[in-house]
Amino acid sequence: MFRGFPSLRRAGTVLTLAVLLPLVPVPTGAQAADPVKTASRELAAVRAEVDRTARTLSEGTRRLEQQRASLGRVQRELEQARREAGAAQSRSDEARERIRTIAAAAYRSPVPDGLALALTGTPDRFVDAVVAQAGLARMQGTSTGALREATAERVRAQSAVRSVEQLSVEVTRRERAVAAQVASLQAAADASARRLSEASTRLNAAQAAARRASRARVLATCDGGVTRGAANGFLDRSALCPLDGAPGHALRADAAAAFNRMTAAALASRGSRLCVNDAYRSYAG
């Protein structure tokens, strides 16, 4: 550790150092403040935009899920309506087939006219003809009623199918519209994320530039104050100069200059500065 240096001739052996990339705080000098503050405001604005986009995207995703659930319900209703329409069509077809069967049977074996039998036939044949005509009329009436009912049911079922199909088309349209909105929001969110990354990069660059500028100004102008007559550990702050890459640490001007040359050489040879465990400590408090 550095506790004050009556001479800098042994500076190379007195320094206790290790290799490390130091974390340098952002300088607050007036010259560095403007670009850093500008980049910070830009980053804050982009973050707010990302938050707004994320909330909107979340709401859009919720609406999309609702539309998809609604579409699923409508599609199930459509399948049920189609099944009911198919069943009604089958009943209608069966009633029509029964009527065709009755008509074909009557054509192949016509029932004699009752009046003709009454005038020319026997009483038994007349009675048989009357009974047959009554049975045929009853069968025709029953089949015709069944056909009428089945036809009406088929019409209602087909109307229900058309209504549900129209609803399905509308729900599908809404689902696609919401999906397009969500895709647009996702693209906006991705773009905001890219802008956030770019703004963060610019802020980091501005901070690094500010640190370099501040360090260069301090190192260029620091030549140390008067040390004559000052005891070790009681040097005035004006006699100390900062160490490059070691924020908060300082040495006497000549020792600081020696250290800065050493850390510059380390940075050039292996890509990292020297790390200071400790530096000048003032006993003055």
C-alpha atoms as a PDB file:
ATOM      1  CA  MET A   1       0.000   0.000   0.000  1.00  0.00           C
ATOM      2  CA  PHE A   2       1.116   3.598  -0.700  1.00  0.00           C
ATOM      3  CA  ARG A   3       1.470   5.729   2.398  1.00  0.00           C
ATOM      4  CA  GLY A   4       3.406   8.726   1.079  1.00  0.00           C
ATOM      5  CA  PHE A   5       6.635   8.989  -0.824  1.00  0.00           C
ATOM      6  CA  PRO A   6       9.670  11.051   0.206  1.00  0.00           C
ATOM      7  CA  SER A   7      11.265  10.062  -3.107  1.00  0.00           C
ATOM      8  CA  LEU A   8      10.041   8.620  -6.380  1.00  0.00           C
ATOM      9  CA  ARG A   9      13.252   6.806  -7.262  1.00  0.00           C
ATOM     10  CA  ARG A  10      11.875   3.613  -5.665  1.00  0.00           C
ATOM     11  CA  ALA A  11       8.334   4.063  -7.042  1.00  0.00           C
ATOM     12  CA  GLY A  12       8.577   0.947  -9.215  1.00  0.00           C
ATOM     13  CA  THR A  13       9.336  -1.276  -6.195  1.00  0.00           C
ATOM     14  CA  VAL A  14       6.951   0.394  -3.744  1.00  0.00           C
ATOM     15  CA  LEU A  15       3.784   0.079  -5.857  1.00  0.00           C
ATOM     16  CA  THR A  16       1.664  -2.958  -4.964  1.00  0.00           C
ATOM     17  CA  LEU A  17      -0.284  -3.720  -8.151  1.00  0.00           C
ATOM     18  CA  ALA A  18      -2.432  -6.390  -9.771  1.00  0.00           C
ATOM     19  CA  VAL A  19      -3.845  -6.723 -13.276  1.00  0.00           C
ATOM     20  CA  LEU A  20      -7.546  -5.787 -13.478  1.00  0.00           C
ATOM     21  CA  LEU A  21      -9.930  -3.744 -15.618  1.00  0.00           C
ATOM     22  CA  PRO A  22     -11.155  -1.084 -13.190  1.00  0.00           C
ATOM     23  CA  LEU A  23     -14.695   0.199 -13.026  1.00  0.00           C
ATOM     24  CA  VAL A  24     -14.458   3.937 -13.580  1.00  0.00           C
ATOM     25  CA  PRO A  25     -17.356   6.141 -12.408  1.00  0.00           C
ATOM     26  CA  VAL A  26     -18.902   8.583 -14.855  1.00  0.00           C
ATOM     27  CA  PRO A  27     -17.263  11.996 -14.520  1.00  0.00           C
ATOM     28  CA  THR A  28     -19.475  14.915 -13.634  1.00  0.00           C
ATOM     29  CA  GLY A  29     -17.469  17.671 -15.272  1.00  0.00           C
ATOM     30  CA  ALA A  30     -19.322  20.279 -17.289  1.00  0.00           C
ATOM     31  CA  GLN A  31     -17.636  19.274 -20.541  1.00  0.00           C
ATOM     32  CA  ALA A  32     -18.709  15.620 -20.203  1.00  0.00           C
ATOM     33  CA  ALA A  33     -22.191  16.249 -18.799  1.00  0.00           C
ATOM     34  CA  ASP A  34     -23.982  17.254 -21.993  1.00  0.00           C
ATOM     35  CA  PRO A  35     -23.432  14.126 -24.151  1.00  0.00           C
ATOM     36  CA  VAL A  36     -23.943  11.799 -21.204  1.00  0.00           C
ATOM     37  CA  LYS A  37     -27.137  13.543 -20.124  1.00  0.00           C
ATOM     38  CA  THR A  38     -28.394  13.553 -23.693  1.00  0.00           C
ATOM     39  CA  ALA A  39     -27.739   9.822 -24.046  1.00  0.00           C
ATOM     40  CA  SER A  40     -29.304   9.170 -20.635  1.00  0.00           C
ATOM     41  CA  ARG A  41     -32.477  11.074 -21.575  1.00  0.00           C
ATOM     42  CA  GLU A  42     -32.651   9.208 -24.878  1.00  0.00           C
ATOM     43  CA  LEU A  43     -32.255   5.876 -23.097  1.00  0.00           C
ATOM     44  CA  ALA A  44     -34.977   6.780 -20.574  1.00  0.00           C
ATOM     45  CA  ALA A  45     -37.328   7.776 -23.399  1.00  0.00           C
ATOM     46  CA  VAL A  46     -36.711   4.519 -25.256  1.00  0.00           C
ATOM     47  CA  ARG A  47     -37.261   2.521 -22.073  1.00  0.00           C
ATOM     48  CA  ALA A  48     -40.599   4.270 -21.546  1.00  0.00           C
ATOM     49  CA  GLU A  49     -41.508   3.479 -25.155  1.00  0.00           C
ATOM     50  CA  VAL A  50     -40.572  -0.172 -24.634  1.00  0.00           C
ATOM     51  CA  ASP A  51     -42.754  -0.304 -21.520  1.00  0.00           C
ATOM     52  CA  ARG A  52     -45.721   1.196 -23.381  1.00  0.00           C
ATOM     53  CA  THR A  53     -45.252  -1.181 -26.306  1.00  0.00           C
ATOM     54  CA  ALA A  54     -45.004  -4.153 -23.961  1.00  0.00           C
ATOM     55  CA  ARG A  55     -48.268  -3.204 -22.241  1.00  0.00           C
ATOM     56  CA  THR A  56     -50.033  -2.730 -25.575  1.00  0.00           C
ATOM     57  CA  LEU A  57     -48.641  -6.012 -26.864  1.00  0.00           C
ATOM     58  CA  SER A  58     -49.846  -7.801 -23.742  1.00  0.00           C
ATOM     59  CA  GLU A  59     -53.351  -6.388 -24.190  1.00  0.00           C
ATOM     60  CA  GLY A  60     -53.357  -7.295 -27.890  1.00  0.00           C
ATOM     61  CA  THR A  61     -52.244 -10.831 -27.095  1.00  0.00           C
ATOM     62  CA  ARG A  62     -55.072 -11.130 -24.560  1.00  0.00           C
ATOM     63  CA  ARG A  63     -57.599  -9.984 -27.188  1.00  0.00           C
ATOM     64  CA  LEU A  64     -56.177 -12.451 -29.690  1.00  0.00           C
ATOM     65  CA  GLU A  65     -56.595 -15.303 -27.229  1.00  0.00           C
ATOM     66  CA  GLN A  66     -60.196 -14.230 -26.611  1.00  0.00           C
ATOM     67  CA  GLN A  67     -60.926 -14.139 -30.343  1.00  0.00           C
ATOM     68  CA  ARG A  68     -59.388 -17.563 -30.840  1.00  0.00           C
ATOM     69  CA  ALA A  69     -61.461 -18.968 -27.972  1.00  0.00           C
ATOM     70  CA  SER A  70     -64.584 -17.397 -29.502  1.00  0.00           C
ATOM     71  CA  LEU A  71     -63.700 -18.840 -32.902  1.00  0.00           C
ATOM     72  CA  GLY A  72     -63.306 -22.274 -31.328  1.00  0.00           C
ATOM     73  CA  ARG A  73     -66.784 -22.031 -29.776  1.00  0.00           C
ATOM     74  CA  VAL A  74     -68.336 -20.912 -33.070  1.00  0.00           C
ATOM     75  CA  GLN A  75     -66.632 -23.706 -34.969  1.00  0.00           C
ATOM     76  CA  ARG A  76     -68.020 -26.252 -32.499  1.00  0.00           C
ATOM     77  CA  GLU A  77     -71.492 -24.723 -32.931  1.00  0.00           C
ATOM     78  CA  LEU A  78     -71.065 -24.933 -36.697  1.00  0.00           C
ATOM     79  CA  GLU A  79     -70.176 -28.615 -36.527  1.00  0.00           C
ATOM     80  CA  GLN A  80     -73.251 -29.264 -34.354  1.00  0.00           C
ATOM     81  CA  ALA A  81     -75.502 -27.328 -36.744  1.00  0.00           C
ATOM     82  CA  ARG A  82     -74.134 -29.276 -39.691  1.00  0.00           C
ATOM     83  CA  ARG A  83     -74.784 -32.581 -37.926  1.00  0.00           C
ATOM     84  CA  GLU A  84     -78.368 -31.526 -37.148  1.00  0.00           C
ATOM     85  CA  ALA A  85     -78.906 -30.389 -40.735  1.00  0.00           C
ATOM     86  CA  GLY A  86     -77.578 -33.726 -41.997  1.00  0.00           C
ATOM     87  CA  ALA A  87     -79.931 -35.635 -39.718  1.00  0.00           C
ATOM     88  CA  ALA A  88     -82.893 -33.517 -40.862  1.00  0.00           C
ATOM     89  CA  GLN A  89     -81.945 -34.124 -44.490  1.00  0.00           C
ATOM     90  CA  SER A  90     -81.852 -37.869 -43.817  1.00  0.00           C
ATOM     91  CA  ARG A  91     -85.336 -37.800 -42.254  1.00  0.00           C
ATOM     92  CA  SER A  92     -86.661 -35.800 -45.190  1.00  0.00           C
ATOM     93  CA  ASP A  93     -85.140 -38.251 -47.651  1.00  0.00           C
ATOM     94  CA  GLU A  94     -86.680 -41.193 -45.773  1.00  0.00           C
ATOM     95  CA  ALA A  95     -90.149 -39.579 -45.869  1.00  0.00           C
ATOM     96  CA  ARG A  96     -89.827 -38.940 -49.588  1.00  0.00           C
ATOM     97  CA  GLU A  97     -88.778 -42.544 -50.160  1.00  0.00           C
ATOM     98  CA  ARG A  98     -91.853 -43.806 -48.271  1.00  0.00           C
ATOM     99  CA  ILE A  99     -94.148 -41.673 -50.445  1.00  0.00           C
ATOM    100  CA  ARG A 100     -92.453 -42.938 -53.591  1.00  0.00           C
ATOM    101  CA  THR A 101     -92.913 -46.530 -52.385  1.00  0.00           C
ATOM    102  CA  ILE A 102     -96.615 -45.980 -51.715  1.00  0.00           C
ATOM    103  CA  ALA A 103     -97.096 -44.313 -55.084  1.00  0.00           C
ATOM    104  CA  ALA A 104     -95.291 -47.154 -56.871  1.00  0.00           C
ATOM    105  CA  ALA A 105     -97.361 -49.790 -55.079  1.00  0.00           C
ATOM    106  CA  ALA A 106    -100.603 -48.003 -55.945  1.00  0.00           C
ATOM    107  CA  TYR A 107     -99.507 -47.781 -59.559  1.00  0.00           C
ATOM    108  CA  ARG A 108     -98.659 -51.473 -59.779  1.00  0.00           C
ATOM    109  CA  SER A 109    -101.820 -52.600 -57.951  1.00  0.00           C
ATOM    110  CA  PRO A 110    -104.482 -49.915 -58.333  1.00  0.00           C
ATOM    111  CA  VAL A 111    -107.442 -50.009 -55.982  1.00  0.00           C
ATOM    112  CA  PRO A 112    -110.759 -50.312 -57.896  1.00  0.00           C
ATOM    113  CA  ASP A 113    -113.093 -47.357 -57.815  1.00  0.00           C
ATOM    114  CA  GLY A 114    -115.710 -47.819 -55.085  1.00  0.00           C
ATOM    115  CA  LEU A 115    -118.662 -46.535 -57.142  1.00  0.00           C
ATOM    116  CA  ALA A 116    -117.885 -48.887 -60.022  1.00  0.00           C
ATOM    117  CA  LEU A 117    -117.676 -51.816 -57.637  1.00  0.00           C
ATOM    118  CA  ALA A 118    -120.929 -50.806 -56.006  1.00  0.00           C
ATOM    119  CA  LEU A 119    -122.670 -50.909 -59.376  1.00  0.00           C
ATOM    120  CA  THR A 120    -120.990 -53.967 -60.895  1.00  0.00           C
ATOM    121  CA  GLY A 121    -119.177 -55.904 -58.185  1.00  0.00           C
ATOM    122  CA  THR A 122    -120.113 -58.089 -55.292  1.00  0.00           C
ATOM    123  CA  PRO A 123    -120.627 -56.616 -51.803  1.00  0.00           C
ATOM    124  CA  ASP A 124    -117.448 -58.289 -50.544  1.00  0.00           C
ATOM    125  CA  ARG A 125    -115.317 -56.761 -53.265  1.00  0.00           C
ATOM    126  CA  PHE A 126    -116.912 -53.377 -52.591  1.00  0.00           C
ATOM    127  CA  VAL A 127    -116.076 -53.560 -48.881  1.00  0.00           C
ATOM    128  CA  ASP A 128    -112.497 -54.638 -49.647  1.00  0.00           C
ATOM    129  CA  ALA A 129    -112.068 -51.740 -52.057  1.00  0.00           C
ATOM    130  CA  VAL A 130    -113.342 -49.212 -49.552  1.00  0.00           C
ATOM    131  CA  VAL A 131    -110.990 -50.547 -46.859  1.00  0.00           C
ATOM    132  CA  ALA A 132    -108.025 -50.509 -49.268  1.00  0.00           C
ATOM    133  CA  GLN A 133    -108.742 -46.954 -50.363  1.00  0.00           C
ATOM    134  CA  ALA A 134    -108.968 -45.831 -46.728  1.00  0.00           C
ATOM    135  CA  GLY A 135    -105.678 -47.535 -45.861  1.00  0.00           C
ATOM    136  CA  LEU A 136    -103.936 -45.996 -48.884  1.00  0.00           C
ATOM    137  CA  ALA A 137    -105.220 -42.550 -48.003  1.00  0.00           C
ATOM    138  CA  ARG A 138    -104.107 -42.989 -44.413  1.00  0.00           C
ATOM    139  CA  MET A 139    -100.608 -44.067 -45.475  1.00  0.00           C
ATOM    140  CA  GLN A 140    -100.372 -41.196 -47.939  1.00  0.00           C
ATOM    141  CA  GLY A 141    -101.498 -38.703 -45.314  1.00  0.00           C
ATOM    142  CA  THR A 142     -99.053 -40.001 -42.699  1.00  0.00           C
ATOM    143  CA  SER A 143     -96.166 -40.006 -45.153  1.00  0.00           C
ATOM    144  CA  THR A 144     -97.049 -36.571 -46.491  1.00  0.00           C
ATOM    145  CA  GLY A 145     -97.184 -35.141 -42.940  1.00  0.00           C
ATOM    146  CA  ALA A 146     -93.835 -36.728 -42.092  1.00  0.00           C
ATOM    147  CA  LEU A 147     -92.358 -35.297 -45.280  1.00  0.00           C
ATOM    148  CA  ARG A 148     -93.738 -31.865 -44.500  1.00  0.00           C
ATOM    149  CA  GLU A 149     -92.330 -31.953 -40.960  1.00  0.00           C
ATOM    150  CA  ALA A 150     -88.957 -33.311 -42.091  1.00  0.00           C
ATOM    151  CA  THR A 151     -88.740 -30.712 -44.832  1.00  0.00           C
ATOM    152  CA  ALA A 152     -89.491 -27.886 -42.392  1.00  0.00           C
ATOM    153  CA  GLU A 153     -86.881 -29.245 -39.975  1.00  0.00           C
ATOM    154  CA  ARG A 154     -84.355 -29.506 -42.810  1.00  0.00           C
ATOM    155  CA  VAL A 155     -85.010 -25.888 -43.823  1.00  0.00           C
ATOM    156  CA  ARG A 156     -84.563 -24.724 -40.230  1.00  0.00           C
ATOM    157  CA  ALA A 157     -81.362 -26.723 -39.850  1.00  0.00           C
ATOM    158  CA  GLN A 158     -79.956 -25.379 -43.112  1.00  0.00           C
ATOM    159  CA  SER A 159     -80.828 -21.846 -42.023  1.00  0.00           C
ATOM    160  CA  ALA A 160     -78.989 -22.458 -38.739  1.00  0.00           C
ATOM    161  CA  VAL A 161     -75.972 -23.730 -40.662  1.00  0.00           C
ATOM    162  CA  ARG A 162     -75.936 -20.595 -42.816  1.00  0.00           C
ATOM    163  CA  SER A 163     -76.197 -18.358 -39.724  1.00  0.00           C
ATOM    164  CA  VAL A 164     -73.365 -20.148 -37.950  1.00  0.00           C
ATOM    165  CA  GLU A 165     -71.265 -20.118 -41.120  1.00  0.00           C
ATOM    166  CA  GLN A 166     -71.718 -16.341 -41.349  1.00  0.00           C
ATOM    167  CA  LEU A 167     -70.768 -16.024 -37.686  1.00  0.00           C
ATOM    168  CA  SER A 168     -67.730 -18.223 -38.281  1.00  0.00           C
ATOM    169  CA  VAL A 169     -66.654 -16.009 -41.176  1.00  0.00           C
ATOM    170  CA  GLU A 170     -66.994 -12.895 -39.006  1.00  0.00           C
ATOM    171  CA  VAL A 171     -65.117 -14.416 -36.071  1.00  0.00           C
ATOM    172  CA  THR A 172     -62.373 -15.624 -38.405  1.00  0.00           C
ATOM    173  CA  ARG A 173     -62.106 -12.115 -39.850  1.00  0.00           C
ATOM    174  CA  ARG A 174     -61.789 -10.625 -36.361  1.00  0.00           C
ATOM    175  CA  GLU A 175     -59.251 -13.257 -35.330  1.00  0.00           C
ATOM    176  CA  ARG A 176     -57.119 -12.498 -38.376  1.00  0.00           C
ATOM    177  CA  ALA A 177     -57.400  -8.749 -37.753  1.00  0.00           C
ATOM    178  CA  VAL A 178     -56.293  -9.142 -34.131  1.00  0.00           C
ATOM    179  CA  ALA A 179     -53.479 -11.487 -35.200  1.00  0.00           C
ATOM    180  CA  ALA A 180     -52.300  -8.854 -37.678  1.00  0.00           C
ATOM    181  CA  GLN A 181     -52.406  -6.228 -34.904  1.00  0.00           C
ATOM    182  CA  VAL A 182     -50.415  -8.482 -32.586  1.00  0.00           C
ATOM    183  CA  ALA A 183     -47.858  -9.123 -35.323  1.00  0.00           C
ATOM    184  CA  SER A 184     -47.560  -5.364 -35.857  1.00  0.00           C
ATOM    185  CA  LEU A 185     -47.177  -4.805 -32.109  1.00  0.00           C
ATOM    186  CA  GLN A 186     -44.556  -7.544 -31.925  1.00  0.00           C
ATOM    187  CA  ALA A 187     -42.623  -5.890 -34.745  1.00  0.00           C
ATOM    188  CA  ALA A 188     -42.874  -2.559 -32.900  1.00  0.00           C
ATOM    189  CA  ALA A 189     -41.672  -4.230 -29.696  1.00  0.00           C
ATOM    190  CA  ASP A 190     -38.720  -5.756 -31.532  1.00  0.00           C
ATOM    191  CA  ALA A 191     -37.878  -2.382 -33.045  1.00  0.00           C
ATOM    192  CA  SER A 192     -38.111  -0.747 -29.599  1.00  0.00           C
ATOM    193  CA  ALA A 193     -35.816  -3.403 -28.171  1.00  0.00           C
ATOM    194  CA  ARG A 194     -33.292  -2.674 -30.914  1.00  0.00           C
ATOM    195  CA  ARG A 195     -33.538   1.059 -30.233  1.00  0.00           C
ATOM    196  CA  LEU A 196     -33.099   0.367 -26.519  1.00  0.00           C
ATOM    197  CA  SER A 197     -29.947  -1.620 -27.221  1.00  0.00           C
ATOM    198  CA  GLU A 198     -28.648   1.100 -29.525  1.00  0.00           C
ATOM    199  CA  ALA A 199     -29.450   3.842 -26.981  1.00  0.00           C
ATOM    200  CA  SER A 200     -27.721   1.851 -24.251  1.00  0.00           C
ATOM    201  CA  THR A 201     -24.688   1.435 -26.491  1.00  0.00           C
ATOM    202  CA  ARG A 202     -24.631   5.166 -27.203  1.00  0.00           C
ATOM    203  CA  LEU A 203     -24.882   5.948 -23.486  1.00  0.00           C
ATOM    204  CA  ASN A 204     -22.028   3.575 -22.705  1.00  0.00           C
ATOM    205  CA  ALA A 205     -19.967   5.177 -25.470  1.00  0.00           C
ATOM    206  CA  ALA A 206     -20.773   8.672 -24.161  1.00  0.00           C
ATOM    207  CA  GLN A 207     -19.821   7.656 -20.629  1.00  0.00           C
ATOM    208  CA  ALA A 208     -16.576   6.072 -21.818  1.00  0.00           C
ATOM    209  CA  ALA A 209     -15.745   9.178 -23.869  1.00  0.00           C
ATOM    210  CA  ALA A 210     -16.503  11.370 -20.880  1.00  0.00           C
ATOM    211  CA  ARG A 211     -14.262   9.261 -18.672  1.00  0.00           C
ATOM    212  CA  ARG A 212     -11.427   9.389 -21.193  1.00  0.00           C
ATOM    213  CA  ALA A 213     -11.816  13.148 -21.637  1.00  0.00           C
ATOM    214  CA  SER A 214     -11.914  13.772 -17.893  1.00  0.00           C
ATOM    215  CA  ARG A 215      -8.916  11.533 -17.284  1.00  0.00           C
ATOM    216  CA  ALA A 216      -6.967  13.196 -20.090  1.00  0.00           C
ATOM    217  CA  ARG A 217      -7.724  16.657 -18.743  1.00  0.00           C
ATOM    218  CA  VAL A 218      -6.726  15.753 -15.213  1.00  0.00           C
ATOM    219  CA  LEU A 219      -3.581  13.909 -16.234  1.00  0.00           C
ATOM    220  CA  ALA A 220      -2.545  16.640 -18.615  1.00  0.00           C
ATOM    221  CA  THR A 221      -2.918  19.474 -16.150  1.00  0.00           C
ATOM    222  CA  CYS A 222      -1.749  17.844 -12.931  1.00  0.00           C
ATOM    223  CA  ASP A 223       1.862  18.734 -12.169  1.00  0.00           C
ATOM    224  CA  GLY A 224       1.630  18.508  -8.394  1.00  0.00           C
ATOM    225  CA  GLY A 225       1.860  21.177  -5.763  1.00  0.00           C
ATOM    226  CA  VAL A 226       4.686  22.163  -3.505  1.00  0.00           C
ATOM    227  CA  THR A 227       5.885  19.251  -1.352  1.00  0.00           C
ATOM    228  CA  ARG A 228       8.940  20.926   0.225  1.00  0.00           C
ATOM    229  CA  GLY A 229       8.754  20.763   4.004  1.00  0.00           C
ATOM    230  CA  ALA A 230       5.678  18.507   4.092  1.00  0.00           C
ATOM    231  CA  ALA A 231       6.020  15.324   6.095  1.00  0.00           C
ATOM    232  CA  ASN A 232       5.155  11.977   4.575  1.00  0.00           C
ATOM    233  CA  GLY A 233       1.436  11.408   4.925  1.00  0.00           C
ATOM    234  CA  PHE A 234       0.691  15.101   5.321  1.00  0.00           C
ATOM    235  CA  LEU A 235       0.919  16.310   1.708  1.00  0.00           C
ATOM    236  CA  ASP A 236      -1.659  18.790   0.551  1.00  0.00           C
ATOM    237  CA  ARG A 237      -4.220  17.472  -1.942  1.00  0.00           C
ATOM    238  CA  SER A 238      -2.904  19.910  -4.501  1.00  0.00           C
ATOM    239  CA  ALA A 239       0.408  18.018  -4.447  1.00  0.00           C
ATOM    240  CA  LEU A 240      -1.290  14.746  -5.501  1.00  0.00           C
ATOM    241  CA  CYS A 241      -2.221  13.587  -9.009  1.00  0.00           C
ATOM    242  CA  PRO A 242      -4.775  10.885  -9.941  1.00  0.00           C
ATOM    243  CA  LEU A 243      -3.758   7.489 -11.205  1.00  0.00           C
ATOM    244  CA  ASP A 244      -4.880   6.501 -14.689  1.00  0.00           C
ATOM    245  CA  GLY A 245      -7.550   3.782 -14.508  1.00  0.00           C
ATOM    246  CA  ALA A 246      -7.680   3.850 -10.695  1.00  0.00           C
ATOM    247  CA  PRO A 247     -10.458   6.249  -9.706  1.00  0.00           C
ATOM    248  CA  GLY A 248     -10.203   7.641  -6.203  1.00  0.00           C
ATOM    249  CA  HIS A 249      -6.506   6.899  -5.927  1.00  0.00           C
ATOM    250  CA  ALA A 250      -3.711   9.462  -6.148  1.00  0.00           C
ATOM    251  CA  LEU A 251       0.043   9.783  -5.664  1.00  0.00           C
ATOM    252  CA  ARG A 252       2.542  12.577  -5.592  1.00  0.00           C
ATOM    253  CA  ALA A 253       2.906  14.039  -9.081  1.00  0.00           C
ATOM    254  CA  ASP A 254       6.174  12.326  -9.933  1.00  0.00           C
ATOM    255  CA  ALA A 255       5.008   8.943  -8.566  1.00  0.00           C
ATOM    256  CA  ALA A 256       1.687   9.287 -10.397  1.00  0.00           C
ATOM    257  CA  ALA A 257       3.522  10.039 -13.636  1.00  0.00           C
ATOM    258  CA  ALA A 258       5.660   6.925 -13.195  1.00  0.00           C
ATOM    259  CA  PHE A 259       2.608   4.779 -12.476  1.00  0.00           C
ATOM    260  CA  ASN A 260       0.721   6.173 -15.471  1.00  0.00           C
ATOM    261  CA  ARG A 261       3.622   5.268 -17.765  1.00  0.00           C
ATOM    262  CA  MET A 262       3.649   1.759 -16.337  1.00  0.00           C
ATOM    263  CA  THR A 263      -0.099   1.194 -16.708  1.00  0.00           C
ATOM    264  CA  ALA A 264      -0.009   2.575 -20.264  1.00  0.00           C
ATOM    265  CA  ALA A 265       2.698   0.053 -21.102  1.00  0.00           C
ATOM    266  CA  ALA A 266       0.659  -2.766 -19.523  1.00  0.00           C
ATOM    267  CA  LEU A 267      -2.415  -1.721 -21.504  1.00  0.00           C
ATOM    268  CA  ALA A 268      -0.444  -1.686 -24.740  1.00  0.00           C
ATOM    269  CA  SER A 269       1.228  -5.063 -24.136  1.00  0.00           C
ATOM    270  CA  ARG A 270      -1.600  -7.158 -22.686  1.00  0.00           C
ATOM    271  CA  GLY A 271      -4.771  -5.114 -23.085  1.00  0.00           C
ATOM    272  CA  SER A 272      -5.440  -4.313 -19.432  1.00  0.00           C
ATOM    273  CA  ARG A 273      -4.324  -1.632 -17.004  1.00  0.00           C
ATOM    274  CA  LEU A 274      -2.645  -2.142 -13.670  1.00  0.00           C
ATOM    275  CA  CYS A 275      -4.885  -2.277 -10.629  1.00  0.00           C
ATOM    276  CA  VAL A 276      -4.049  -0.318  -7.503  1.00  0.00           C
ATOM    277  CA  ASN A 277      -4.854  -1.948  -4.180  1.00  0.00           C
ATOM    278  CA  ASP A 278      -4.105   1.256  -2.326  1.00  0.00           C
ATOM    279  CA  ALA A 279      -2.350   4.571  -2.866  1.00  0.00           C
ATOM    280  CA  TYR A 280      -1.424   7.671  -0.915  1.00  0.00           C
ATOM    281  CA  ARG A 281      -3.104   7.927   2.466  1.00  0.00           C
ATOM    282  CA  SER A 282      -3.245  11.206   4.234  1.00  0.00           C
ATOM    283  CA  TYR A 283      -2.635  11.219   7.957  1.00  0.00           C
ATOM    284  CA  ALA A 284      -4.167  14.647   8.176  1.00  0.00           C
ATOM    285  CA  GLY A 285      -7.682  13.115   8.149  1.00  0.00           C
END
